[in-house]
Amino acid sequence: MLTVPDPDATAAQMVRHGGELVIPVENRPYGRRQGGVRDPFGHLWVLGGEPR
């Protein structure tokens, strides 16, 4: 998992550059805001940060 300041903004930027949102960015029950984007090469990037 990559810890980023704003998982929503990071995921949106990745999608604008050809990624596919495969795990919606949401607050998780274990205290993280997390989601996942698959890049054009097939790699899954899980993004996490502080919950909103």
PDB file of N, CA and C in Angstrom:
ATOM      1  N   MET A   1       0.841  -1.168   0.000  1.00  0.00           N
ATOM      2  CA  MET A   1       0.000   0.000   0.000  1.00  0.00           C
ATOM      3  C   MET A   1       0.891   1.238   0.000  1.00  0.00           C
ATOM      4  N   LEU A   2       0.479   2.214  -0.798  1.00  0.00           N
ATOM      5  CA  LEU A   2       1.144   3.511  -0.798  1.00  0.00           C
ATOM      6  C   LEU A   2       0.354   4.451   0.092  1.00  0.00           C
ATOM      7  N   THR A   3       1.003   5.062   1.054  1.00  0.00           N
ATOM      8  CA  THR A   3       0.346   6.059   1.890  1.00  0.00           C
ATOM      9  C   THR A   3       0.503   7.406   1.204  1.00  0.00           C
ATOM     10  N   VAL A   4      -0.631   8.056   0.952  1.00  0.00           N
ATOM     11  CA  VAL A   4      -0.643   9.348   0.260  1.00  0.00           C
ATOM     12  C   VAL A   4      -1.472  10.337   1.075  1.00  0.00           C
ATOM     13  N   PRO A   5      -1.232  11.645   0.906  1.00  0.00           N
ATOM     14  CA  PRO A   5      -1.986  12.636   1.677  1.00  0.00           C
ATOM     15  C   PRO A   5      -3.478  12.643   1.358  1.00  0.00           C
ATOM     16  N   ASP A   6      -3.843  12.393   0.086  1.00  0.00           N
ATOM     17  CA  ASP A   6      -5.243  12.441  -0.338  1.00  0.00           C
ATOM     18  C   ASP A   6      -5.511  11.298  -1.315  1.00  0.00           C
ATOM     19  N   PRO A   7      -5.973  10.131  -0.820  1.00  0.00           N
ATOM     20  CA  PRO A   7      -6.202   8.988  -1.696  1.00  0.00           C
ATOM     21  C   PRO A   7      -7.207   9.272  -2.812  1.00  0.00           C
ATOM     22  N   ASP A   8      -8.223  10.094  -2.530  1.00  0.00           N
ATOM     23  CA  ASP A   8      -9.223  10.410  -3.558  1.00  0.00           C
ATOM     24  C   ASP A   8      -8.583  11.153  -4.728  1.00  0.00           C
ATOM     25  N   ALA A   9      -7.816  12.193  -4.428  1.00  0.00           N
ATOM     26  CA  ALA A   9      -7.178  12.989  -5.476  1.00  0.00           C
ATOM     27  C   ALA A   9      -6.136  12.169  -6.236  1.00  0.00           C
ATOM     28  N   THR A  10      -5.387  11.347  -5.523  1.00  0.00           N
ATOM     29  CA  THR A  10      -4.365  10.527  -6.169  1.00  0.00           C
ATOM     30  C   THR A  10      -5.005   9.514  -7.105  1.00  0.00           C
ATOM     31  N   ALA A  11      -6.080   8.862  -6.660  1.00  0.00           N
ATOM     32  CA  ALA A  11      -6.780   7.898  -7.512  1.00  0.00           C
ATOM     33  C   ALA A  11      -7.355   8.593  -8.744  1.00  0.00           C
ATOM     34  N   ALA A  12      -7.941   9.769  -8.566  1.00  0.00           N
ATOM     35  CA  ALA A  12      -8.516  10.506  -9.698  1.00  0.00           C
ATOM     36  C   ALA A  12      -7.435  10.869 -10.713  1.00  0.00           C
ATOM     37  N   GLN A  13      -6.278  11.285 -10.232  1.00  0.00           N
ATOM     38  CA  GLN A  13      -5.182  11.630 -11.134  1.00  0.00           C
ATOM     39  C   GLN A  13      -4.705  10.394 -11.897  1.00  0.00           C
ATOM     40  N   MET A  14      -4.621   9.265 -11.214  1.00  0.00           N
ATOM     41  CA  MET A  14      -4.191   8.033 -11.872  1.00  0.00           C
ATOM     42  C   MET A  14      -5.189   7.614 -12.945  1.00  0.00           C
ATOM     43  N   VAL A  15      -6.477   7.769 -12.682  1.00  0.00           N
ATOM     44  CA  VAL A  15      -7.509   7.427 -13.667  1.00  0.00           C
ATOM     45  C   VAL A  15      -7.398   8.364 -14.878  1.00  0.00           C
ATOM     46  N   ARG A  16      -7.167   9.645 -14.645  1.00  0.00           N
ATOM     47  CA  ARG A  16      -6.997  10.595 -15.762  1.00  0.00           C
ATOM     48  C   ARG A  16      -5.820  10.213 -16.657  1.00  0.00           C
ATOM     49  N   HIS A  17      -4.845   9.515 -16.087  1.00  0.00           N
ATOM     50  CA  HIS A  17      -3.656   9.128 -16.849  1.00  0.00           C
ATOM     51  C   HIS A  17      -3.699   7.672 -17.314  1.00  0.00           C
ATOM     52  N   GLY A  18      -4.905   7.103 -17.394  1.00  0.00           N
ATOM     53  CA  GLY A  18      -5.052   5.778 -17.996  1.00  0.00           C
ATOM     54  C   GLY A  18      -5.283   4.634 -17.039  1.00  0.00           C
ATOM     55  N   GLY A  19      -5.325   4.895 -15.745  1.00  0.00           N
ATOM     56  CA  GLY A  19      -5.596   3.836 -14.775  1.00  0.00           C
ATOM     57  C   GLY A  19      -7.079   3.504 -14.713  1.00  0.00           C
ATOM     58  N   GLU A  20      -7.389   2.393 -14.070  1.00  0.00           N
ATOM     59  CA  GLU A  20      -8.779   1.955 -13.883  1.00  0.00           C
ATOM     60  C   GLU A  20      -9.037   1.787 -12.386  1.00  0.00           C
ATOM     61  N   LEU A  21     -10.034   2.499 -11.883  1.00  0.00           N
ATOM     62  CA  LEU A  21     -10.394   2.373 -10.473  1.00  0.00           C
ATOM     63  C   LEU A  21     -11.037   1.007 -10.268  1.00  0.00           C
ATOM     64  N   VAL A  22     -10.400   0.134  -9.506  1.00  0.00           N
ATOM     65  CA  VAL A  22     -10.920  -1.218  -9.299  1.00  0.00           C
ATOM     66  C   VAL A  22     -11.385  -1.454  -7.867  1.00  0.00           C
ATOM     67  N   ILE A  23     -10.930  -0.626  -6.937  1.00  0.00           N
ATOM     68  CA  ILE A  23     -11.387  -0.683  -5.546  1.00  0.00           C
ATOM     69  C   ILE A  23     -11.774   0.746  -5.170  1.00  0.00           C
ATOM     70  N   PRO A  24     -13.051   1.028  -4.967  1.00  0.00           N
ATOM     71  CA  PRO A  24     -13.462   2.399  -4.647  1.00  0.00           C
ATOM     72  C   PRO A  24     -12.743   2.931  -3.403  1.00  0.00           C
ATOM     73  N   VAL A  25     -12.404   4.202  -3.443  1.00  0.00           N
ATOM     74  CA  VAL A  25     -11.759   4.841  -2.293  1.00  0.00           C
ATOM     75  C   VAL A  25     -12.846   5.117  -1.255  1.00  0.00           C
ATOM     76  N   GLU A  26     -12.708   4.482  -0.107  1.00  0.00           N
ATOM     77  CA  GLU A  26     -13.706   4.587   0.965  1.00  0.00           C
ATOM     78  C   GLU A  26     -13.012   4.532   2.317  1.00  0.00           C
ATOM     79  N   ASN A  27     -13.704   5.019   3.338  1.00  0.00           N
ATOM     80  CA  ASN A  27     -13.227   4.813   4.708  1.00  0.00           C
ATOM     81  C   ASN A  27     -13.424   3.344   5.047  1.00  0.00           C
ATOM     82  N   ARG A  28     -12.388   2.713   5.529  1.00  0.00           N
ATOM     83  CA  ARG A  28     -12.440   1.291   5.880  1.00  0.00           C
ATOM     84  C   ARG A  28     -12.646   1.151   7.385  1.00  0.00           C
ATOM     85  N   PRO A  29     -13.220   0.028   7.824  1.00  0.00           N
ATOM     86  CA  PRO A  29     -13.507  -0.138   9.252  1.00  0.00           C
ATOM     87  C   PRO A  29     -12.256  -0.197  10.129  1.00  0.00           C
ATOM     88  N   TYR A  30     -11.104  -0.420   9.537  1.00  0.00           N
ATOM     89  CA  TYR A  30      -9.866  -0.506  10.319  1.00  0.00           C
ATOM     90  C   TYR A  30      -9.139   0.834  10.397  1.00  0.00           C
ATOM     91  N   GLY A  31      -9.825   1.936  10.037  1.00  0.00           N
ATOM     92  CA  GLY A  31      -9.292   3.263  10.287  1.00  0.00           C
ATOM     93  C   GLY A  31      -8.480   3.901   9.175  1.00  0.00           C
ATOM     94  N   ARG A  32      -8.596   3.419   7.944  1.00  0.00           N
ATOM     95  CA  ARG A  32      -7.878   4.007   6.809  1.00  0.00           C
ATOM     96  C   ARG A  32      -8.881   4.391   5.733  1.00  0.00           C
ATOM     97  N   ARG A  33      -8.537   5.366   4.914  1.00  0.00           N
ATOM     98  CA  ARG A  33      -9.273   5.652   3.686  1.00  0.00           C
ATOM     99  C   ARG A  33      -8.438   5.003   2.596  1.00  0.00           C
ATOM    100  N   GLN A  34      -9.040   4.092   1.848  1.00  0.00           N
ATOM    101  CA  GLN A  34      -8.248   3.240   0.980  1.00  0.00           C
ATOM    102  C   GLN A  34      -9.014   2.894  -0.285  1.00  0.00           C
ATOM    103  N   GLY A  35      -8.282   2.689  -1.361  1.00  0.00           N
ATOM    104  CA  GLY A  35      -8.843   2.249  -2.633  1.00  0.00           C
ATOM    105  C   GLY A  35      -7.729   1.719  -3.509  1.00  0.00           C
ATOM    106  N   GLY A  36      -8.092   1.274  -4.713  1.00  0.00           N
ATOM    107  CA  GLY A  36      -7.083   0.704  -5.592  1.00  0.00           C
ATOM    108  C   GLY A  36      -7.293   1.071  -7.046  1.00  0.00           C
ATOM    109  N   VAL A  37      -6.182   1.290  -7.737  1.00  0.00           N
ATOM    110  CA  VAL A  37      -6.194   1.629  -9.158  1.00  0.00           C
ATOM    111  C   VAL A  37      -5.255   0.665  -9.879  1.00  0.00           C
ATOM    112  N   ARG A  38      -5.737   0.121 -11.016  1.00  0.00           N
ATOM    113  CA  ARG A  38      -4.884  -0.728 -11.855  1.00  0.00           C
ATOM    114  C   ARG A  38      -4.297   0.161 -12.951  1.00  0.00           C
ATOM    115  N   ASP A  39      -2.979   0.143 -13.067  1.00  0.00           N
ATOM    116  CA  ASP A  39      -2.332   0.993 -14.074  1.00  0.00           C
ATOM    117  C   ASP A  39      -2.414   0.334 -15.454  1.00  0.00           C
ATOM    118  N   PRO A  40      -2.049   1.069 -16.527  1.00  0.00           N
ATOM    119  CA  PRO A  40      -2.152   0.513 -17.879  1.00  0.00           C
ATOM    120  C   PRO A  40      -1.305  -0.738 -18.112  1.00  0.00           C
ATOM    121  N   PHE A  41      -0.342  -1.011 -17.230  1.00  0.00           N
ATOM    122  CA  PHE A  41       0.501  -2.192 -17.364  1.00  0.00           C
ATOM    123  C   PHE A  41      -0.010  -3.378 -16.552  1.00  0.00           C
ATOM    124  N   GLY A  42      -1.148  -3.183 -15.853  1.00  0.00           N
ATOM    125  CA  GLY A  42      -1.757  -4.267 -15.103  1.00  0.00           C
ATOM    126  C   GLY A  42      -1.410  -4.326 -13.628  1.00  0.00           C
ATOM    127  N   HIS A  43      -0.596  -3.405 -13.147  1.00  0.00           N
ATOM    128  CA  HIS A  43      -0.212  -3.399 -11.729  1.00  0.00           C
ATOM    129  C   HIS A  43      -1.307  -2.761 -10.883  1.00  0.00           C
ATOM    130  N   LEU A  44      -1.623  -3.377  -9.764  1.00  0.00           N
ATOM    131  CA  LEU A  44      -2.611  -2.831  -8.836  1.00  0.00           C
ATOM    132  C   LEU A  44      -1.893  -1.991  -7.792  1.00  0.00           C
ATOM    133  N   TRP A  45      -2.313  -0.729  -7.684  1.00  0.00           N
ATOM    134  CA  TRP A  45      -1.772   0.199  -6.693  1.00  0.00           C
ATOM    135  C   TRP A  45      -2.847   0.446  -5.650  1.00  0.00           C
ATOM    136  N   VAL A  46      -2.588   0.040  -4.426  1.00  0.00           N
ATOM    137  CA  VAL A  46      -3.521   0.290  -3.326  1.00  0.00           C
ATOM    138  C   VAL A  46      -3.052   1.560  -2.630  1.00  0.00           C
ATOM    139  N   LEU A  47      -3.969   2.527  -2.551  1.00  0.00           N
ATOM    140  CA  LEU A  47      -3.666   3.841  -1.986  1.00  0.00           C
ATOM    141  C   LEU A  47      -4.353   3.975  -0.649  1.00  0.00           C
ATOM    142  N   GLY A  48      -3.675   4.516   0.323  1.00  0.00           N
ATOM    143  CA  GLY A  48      -4.278   4.686   1.637  1.00  0.00           C
ATOM    144  C   GLY A  48      -3.867   5.992   2.277  1.00  0.00           C
ATOM    145  N   GLY A  49      -4.729   6.461   3.170  1.00  0.00           N
ATOM    146  CA  GLY A  49      -4.442   7.683   3.903  1.00  0.00           C
ATOM    147  C   GLY A  49      -5.367   7.796   5.096  1.00  0.00           C
ATOM    148  N   GLU A  50      -5.364   8.967   5.697  1.00  0.00           N
ATOM    149  CA  GLU A  50      -6.217   9.216   6.858  1.00  0.00           C
ATOM    150  C   GLU A  50      -7.678   9.296   6.424  1.00  0.00           C
ATOM    151  N   PRO A  51      -8.601   8.779   7.243  1.00  0.00           N
ATOM    152  CA  PRO A  51     -10.023   8.850   6.889  1.00  0.00           C
ATOM    153  C   PRO A  51     -10.522  10.285   6.907  1.00  0.00           C
ATOM    154  N   ARG A  52     -11.571  10.515   6.149  1.00  0.00           N
ATOM    155  CA  ARG A  52     -12.203  11.843   6.120  1.00  0.00           C
ATOM    156  C   ARG A  52     -13.209  11.943   7.218  1.00  0.00           C
TER     157      ARG A  52
END
